[in-house]
N, C-alpha and C. Protein backbone atom coordinates (compact mmCIF):
# COMPACT_ATOMS: atom_id res chain seq x y z
N MET A 1 0.69 -1.12 0.22
CA MET A 1 -0.17 -0.15 -0.18
C MET A 1 0.88 1.17 0.13
N TYR A 2 1.00 2.24 -0.94
CA TYR A 2 1.20 3.31 -1.39
C TYR A 2 0.32 4.49 -0.74
N ASN A 3 0.99 5.34 0.47
CA ASN A 3 0.27 6.88 0.56
C ASN A 3 1.54 7.99 0.42
N ILE A 4 0.83 8.21 -0.91
CA ILE A 4 1.75 9.73 -0.99
C ILE A 4 1.27 11.25 -0.59
N ILE A 5 1.96 11.68 0.05
CA ILE A 5 1.49 13.15 0.67
C ILE A 5 2.13 14.10 -0.17
N LEU A 6 1.92 15.48 -0.93
CA LEU A 6 2.13 16.05 -1.60
C LEU A 6 1.85 17.85 -1.44
N GLU A 7 2.32 18.63 -1.43
CA GLU A 7 1.65 20.19 -0.74
C GLU A 7 0.38 20.00 -1.82
N ASN A 8 -0.65 20.54 -1.24
CA ASN A 8 -2.08 20.64 -1.98
C ASN A 8 -2.34 19.61 -2.50
N TYR A 9 -1.95 18.35 -2.60
CA TYR A 9 -2.43 17.43 -3.25
C TYR A 9 -2.42 15.98 -2.42
N HIS A 10 -2.88 15.11 -2.33
CA HIS A 10 -3.30 14.26 -1.72
C HIS A 10 -4.16 13.15 -2.41
N PRO A 11 -3.32 12.24 -3.28
CA PRO A 11 -4.12 11.26 -4.08
C PRO A 11 -4.42 10.10 -3.16
N SER A 12 -5.23 9.30 -3.66
CA SER A 12 -6.15 7.96 -2.59
C SER A 12 -4.60 7.39 -2.47
N THR A 13 -4.89 6.56 -1.60
CA THR A 13 -3.81 5.38 -1.54
C THR A 13 -3.65 4.32 -2.59
N ILE A 14 -3.21 3.76 -2.66
CA ILE A 14 -2.71 2.73 -4.07
C ILE A 14 -2.14 1.63 -3.71
N CYS A 15 -2.37 0.44 -4.23
CA CYS A 15 -1.67 -0.69 -3.98
C CYS A 15 -0.75 -1.03 -5.71
N VAL A 16 0.32 -1.30 -4.96
CA VAL A 16 1.50 -1.54 -5.89
C VAL A 16 1.96 -2.85 -5.25
N GLU A 17 2.15 -3.75 -6.78
CA GLU A 17 2.31 -5.18 -6.30
C GLU A 17 3.77 -5.09 -6.19
N LEU A 18 4.05 -6.03 -4.72
CA LEU A 18 5.08 -6.24 -3.95
C LEU A 18 7.13 -5.86 -4.95
N SER A 19 6.66 -7.29 -6.00
CA SER A 19 7.43 -6.97 -7.27
C SER A 19 8.10 -5.42 -7.99
N ARG A 20 7.00 -5.04 -7.82
CA ARG A 20 7.24 -3.68 -8.58
C ARG A 20 7.58 -2.17 -7.56
N VAL A 21 7.69 -2.43 -6.06
CA VAL A 21 7.80 -1.48 -5.57
C VAL A 21 9.13 -0.68 -6.00
N PRO A 22 10.37 -1.69 -6.01
CA PRO A 22 11.37 -1.40 -6.09
C PRO A 22 11.59 -0.23 -7.61
N GLU A 23 10.70 -0.39 -8.35
CA GLU A 23 10.55 0.21 -9.83
C GLU A 23 10.29 1.67 -9.28
N SER A 24 9.06 1.27 -8.62
CA SER A 24 7.98 1.99 -8.63
C SER A 24 8.85 3.55 -7.62
N LEU A 25 9.85 2.91 -6.67
CA LEU A 25 10.58 3.88 -6.25
C LEU A 25 11.47 4.48 -6.73
N GLU A 26 12.47 3.94 -7.96
CA GLU A 26 12.94 4.65 -8.68
C GLU A 26 12.62 5.37 -10.02
N TYR A 27 11.47 5.76 -10.16
CA TYR A 27 10.21 6.38 -10.72
C TYR A 27 10.16 7.82 -9.83
N ILE A 28 9.49 7.57 -8.85
CA ILE A 28 9.20 8.22 -8.13
C ILE A 28 10.00 9.05 -7.64
N SER A 29 11.16 8.66 -7.03
CA SER A 29 12.17 9.48 -6.53
C SER A 29 12.86 10.31 -7.42
N GLN A 30 12.88 10.02 -9.21
CA GLN A 30 13.21 11.25 -10.26
C GLN A 30 12.26 12.65 -10.19
N VAL A 31 11.38 12.10 -9.79
CA VAL A 31 9.84 13.04 -10.11
C VAL A 31 9.46 13.78 -8.81
N ILE A 32 9.76 13.42 -7.68
CA ILE A 32 8.98 13.83 -6.40
C ILE A 32 9.39 15.28 -6.02
N ASP A 33 10.54 15.91 -6.37
CA ASP A 33 11.00 17.43 -6.23
C ASP A 33 10.45 18.17 -7.49
N SER A 34 10.23 17.30 -8.42
CA SER A 34 9.92 18.04 -9.96
C SER A 34 8.91 19.15 -9.69
N PRO A 35 9.03 20.63 -10.66
CA PRO A 35 7.95 21.84 -10.65
C PRO A 35 6.54 21.14 -10.93
N HIS A 36 6.42 20.09 -11.90
CA HIS A 36 5.77 19.49 -12.41
C HIS A 36 4.99 18.20 -11.54
N ILE A 37 5.29 18.12 -10.69
CA ILE A 37 4.78 17.04 -9.71
C ILE A 37 3.39 16.49 -10.00
N LEU A 38 2.71 17.77 -9.66
CA LEU A 38 0.99 17.00 -9.82
C LEU A 38 0.78 16.83 -11.30
N GLU A 39 1.43 16.66 -12.36
CA GLU A 39 0.98 16.11 -13.63
C GLU A 39 1.57 15.07 -14.04
N GLU A 40 2.94 14.67 -12.80
CA GLU A 40 3.36 13.61 -13.22
C GLU A 40 2.59 12.17 -12.38
N ILE A 41 2.32 12.60 -11.26
CA ILE A 41 1.81 11.97 -10.19
C ILE A 41 0.49 10.98 -10.71
N PRO A 42 -0.24 11.79 -11.63
CA PRO A 42 -1.34 10.41 -12.53
C PRO A 42 -0.67 9.74 -13.53
N GLU A 43 0.58 9.93 -14.05
CA GLU A 43 0.92 8.81 -14.49
C GLU A 43 1.58 7.87 -13.85
N PHE A 44 2.41 8.14 -12.91
CA PHE A 44 2.99 6.99 -11.63
C PHE A 44 1.44 6.00 -11.26
N ILE A 45 0.47 6.89 -10.92
CA ILE A 45 -0.19 6.18 -10.40
C ILE A 45 -0.95 5.00 -11.90
N GLU A 46 -1.12 5.50 -12.96
CA GLU A 46 -1.23 4.84 -13.72
C GLU A 46 -0.52 3.54 -14.25
N LYS A 47 0.78 4.16 -14.31
CA LYS A 47 1.41 3.06 -14.38
C LYS A 47 1.91 1.90 -13.26
N PHE A 48 1.67 2.61 -11.84
CA PHE A 48 2.54 1.34 -10.67
C PHE A 48 1.08 0.67 -9.92
N ALA A 49 -0.42 1.50 -10.24
CA ALA A 49 -1.29 1.35 -9.05
C ALA A 49 -1.99 -0.16 -9.67
N ARG A 50 -2.09 -1.50 -9.10
CA ARG A 50 -2.58 -2.12 -9.36
C ARG A 50 -3.87 -2.38 -9.87
N LYS A 51 -4.80 -2.65 -10.79
CA LYS A 51 -5.61 -2.18 -11.59
C LYS A 51 -6.66 -3.50 -11.56
N ASP A 52 -5.87 -5.12 -11.24
CA ASP A 52 -6.89 -6.21 -11.82
C ASP A 52 -7.63 -6.44 -10.10
N GLN A 53 -8.71 -7.07 -10.02
CA GLN A 53 -9.74 -7.43 -9.22
C GLN A 53 -8.49 -7.84 -7.68
N ILE A 54 -9.20 -7.09 -6.70
CA ILE A 54 -8.56 -7.96 -5.02
C ILE A 54 -8.86 -9.12 -4.78
N MET A 55 -8.64 -10.48 -4.67
CA MET A 55 -9.01 -11.77 -4.79
C MET A 55 -8.54 -11.98 -2.92
N PRO A 56 -9.27 -12.43 -2.81
CA PRO A 56 -9.67 -13.57 -1.52
C PRO A 56 -8.11 -13.76 -0.76
N SER A 57 -7.07 -14.20 -1.78
CA SER A 57 -6.29 -14.99 -1.48
C SER A 57 -4.95 -13.49 -1.45
N ASP A 58 -5.04 -12.51 -1.81
CA ASP A 58 -4.49 -11.55 -1.54
C ASP A 58 -3.96 -10.88 -0.08
N ARG A 59 -3.01 -10.36 0.39
CA ARG A 59 -2.77 -10.00 0.96
C ARG A 59 -1.74 -8.38 1.03
N THR A 60 -1.80 -7.55 2.35
CA THR A 60 -0.91 -6.58 1.91
C THR A 60 0.26 -6.50 3.00
N VAL A 61 1.36 -6.52 2.66
CA VAL A 61 2.46 -7.32 3.22
C VAL A 61 3.39 -6.30 3.34
N GLY A 62 2.52 -4.74 3.04
CA GLY A 62 3.58 -3.57 3.95
C GLY A 62 3.06 -2.03 3.74
N PHE A 63 3.28 -1.72 4.35
CA PHE A 63 3.01 -0.23 3.57
C PHE A 63 4.21 1.01 3.39
N LEU A 64 3.59 1.66 2.73
CA LEU A 64 4.65 3.01 2.28
C LEU A 64 4.32 4.00 2.38
N VAL A 65 4.80 5.15 2.94
CA VAL A 65 4.62 6.51 3.41
C VAL A 65 5.46 7.45 2.53
N LEU A 66 5.14 8.26 1.88
CA LEU A 66 6.13 9.15 1.27
C LEU A 66 5.17 10.76 1.64
N HIS A 67 6.26 11.34 2.26
CA HIS A 67 5.20 12.99 2.76
C HIS A 67 6.29 13.68 2.37
N GLN A 68 5.93 14.42 1.00
CA GLN A 68 6.97 14.87 0.08
C GLN A 68 7.10 16.22 1.11
N PRO A 69 6.47 17.13 1.42
CA PRO A 69 6.36 18.37 2.38
C PRO A 69 7.53 17.83 3.32
N LYS A 70 7.62 17.17 3.66
CA LYS A 70 8.44 17.27 5.42
C LYS A 70 9.71 15.98 5.00
N LYS A 71 9.61 15.92 3.77
CA LYS A 71 11.12 14.73 3.01
C LYS A 71 10.99 14.12 3.93
N ASN A 72 10.22 13.09 3.99
CA ASN A 72 9.98 11.90 4.81
C ASN A 72 9.57 10.57 4.14
N MET A 73 10.50 9.57 4.09
CA MET A 73 9.80 8.02 3.94
C MET A 73 9.64 7.28 4.65
N ALA A 74 8.56 6.22 4.78
CA ALA A 74 8.66 5.35 5.37
C ALA A 74 8.61 3.86 5.01
N ILE A 75 9.12 3.03 5.31
CA ILE A 75 8.56 2.12 4.51
C ILE A 75 8.59 0.85 5.51
N SER A 76 7.48 -0.18 5.64
CA SER A 76 7.53 -1.25 6.57
C SER A 76 6.80 -2.38 6.14
N LEU A 77 7.82 -3.73 6.01
CA LEU A 77 6.83 -4.75 5.58
C LEU A 77 7.30 -5.68 6.71
N GLY A 78 6.47 -6.97 6.32
CA GLY A 78 6.06 -8.09 7.24
C GLY A 78 7.46 -8.78 6.37
N LYS A 79 7.07 -10.12 6.56
CA LYS A 79 7.99 -10.92 6.01
C LYS A 79 7.97 -11.35 4.54
N VAL A 80 9.00 -10.90 3.87
CA VAL A 80 9.46 -10.90 2.08
C VAL A 80 10.83 -11.42 2.15
N GLU A 81 11.14 -11.84 0.92
CA GLU A 81 12.30 -12.41 0.60
C GLU A 81 13.47 -11.42 0.81
N GLN A 82 14.56 -12.02 1.21
CA GLN A 82 15.70 -11.18 1.53
C GLN A 82 16.09 -10.08 -0.01
N GLU A 83 16.31 -10.79 -0.91
CA GLU A 83 16.43 -10.18 -2.22
C GLU A 83 15.18 -8.88 -2.01
N THR A 84 14.40 -9.04 -2.34
CA THR A 84 13.18 -8.09 -2.42
C THR A 84 13.65 -6.89 -1.87
N LYS A 85 13.59 -7.49 -0.29
CA LYS A 85 13.90 -6.01 0.63
C LYS A 85 15.73 -5.51 -0.02
N ASP A 86 16.75 -6.35 -0.05
CA ASP A 86 18.01 -5.66 -0.75
C ASP A 86 17.35 -4.48 -1.78
N ARG A 87 16.58 -5.20 -2.86
CA ARG A 87 16.27 -4.13 -4.01
C ARG A 87 15.69 -3.00 -3.37
N ILE A 88 14.61 -2.53 -2.83
CA ILE A 88 13.86 -1.81 -2.17
C ILE A 88 14.78 -0.96 -1.16
N LYS A 89 15.83 -1.72 -0.73
CA LYS A 89 16.87 -0.70 0.05
C LYS A 89 17.56 0.37 -0.30
N LYS A 90 18.04 -0.54 -1.65
CA LYS A 90 18.70 0.01 -2.94
C LYS A 90 17.50 1.85 -3.62
N SER A 91 16.86 1.17 -3.82
CA SER A 91 15.93 2.07 -4.35
C SER A 91 15.97 2.82 -3.04
N ALA A 92 16.08 2.87 -2.05
CA ALA A 92 15.21 4.29 -0.75
C ALA A 92 16.63 4.81 -0.88
N ASP A 93 17.58 4.33 -1.10
CA ASP A 93 18.75 5.28 -0.71
C ASP A 93 19.30 6.25 -1.90
N LEU A 94 18.32 6.31 -2.96
CA LEU A 94 18.07 7.31 -3.99
C LEU A 94 16.97 8.36 -3.14
N PHE A 95 16.36 8.08 -2.30
CA PHE A 95 15.72 9.27 -1.40
C PHE A 95 16.86 9.72 -0.38
N ARG A 96 17.37 8.91 -0.12
CA ARG A 96 18.30 9.44 0.85
C ARG A 96 19.41 11.08 0.40
N ASN A 97 19.69 10.34 -1.30
CA ASN A 97 20.36 10.86 -1.87
C ASN A 97 19.79 12.38 -2.46
N ILE A 98 18.40 12.37 -2.39
CA ILE A 98 17.71 14.17 -2.38
C ILE A 98 17.34 14.26 -0.97
N LYS A 99 17.97 13.95 0.24
CA LYS A 99 17.83 14.74 1.03
C LYS A 99 16.66 14.48 1.94
N PHE A 100 16.09 13.29 1.73
CA PHE A 100 14.94 13.16 2.77
C PHE A 100 15.37 11.78 3.76
N ASN A 101 14.74 12.13 4.88
CA ASN A 101 14.27 11.05 5.74
C ASN A 101 14.30 9.66 5.90
N VAL A 102 14.51 8.81 5.81
CA VAL A 102 14.07 7.31 4.96
C VAL A 102 13.94 6.34 6.24
N GLU A 103 12.96 5.99 6.75
CA GLU A 103 13.05 4.71 7.89
C GLU A 103 12.56 3.72 7.20
N LEU A 104 13.24 2.20 7.61
CA LEU A 104 12.99 1.55 6.95
C LEU A 104 12.43 0.20 8.06
N ASP A 105 11.58 -0.37 8.10
CA ASP A 105 11.11 -1.39 9.07
C ASP A 105 11.15 -2.94 8.40
N PHE A 106 11.79 -3.52 8.50
CA PHE A 106 11.71 -4.84 8.02
C PHE A 106 11.76 -5.86 9.10
């Protein structure tokens, strides 16, 4: 589950498939400080939000909160494979490079 907070704009919480989280972090890290972020967020949602039907076997494995005005990002994940954690950690470093406070809870 993604929750993105931008100045004067708060899109709905979206679901992103776990395997796509690193790619989604890389994408949004490139546009988060853009002066055109409000135009680019709908593209992000279209590209990464899960669109298929939610099934009873589906489960939420974590939460990602991105608060652009405060330059904070928090990721909290349940049990996921170490390879996935490593990929997410690497992608989260992109936010540290643009002066975000990043909290990871695995």
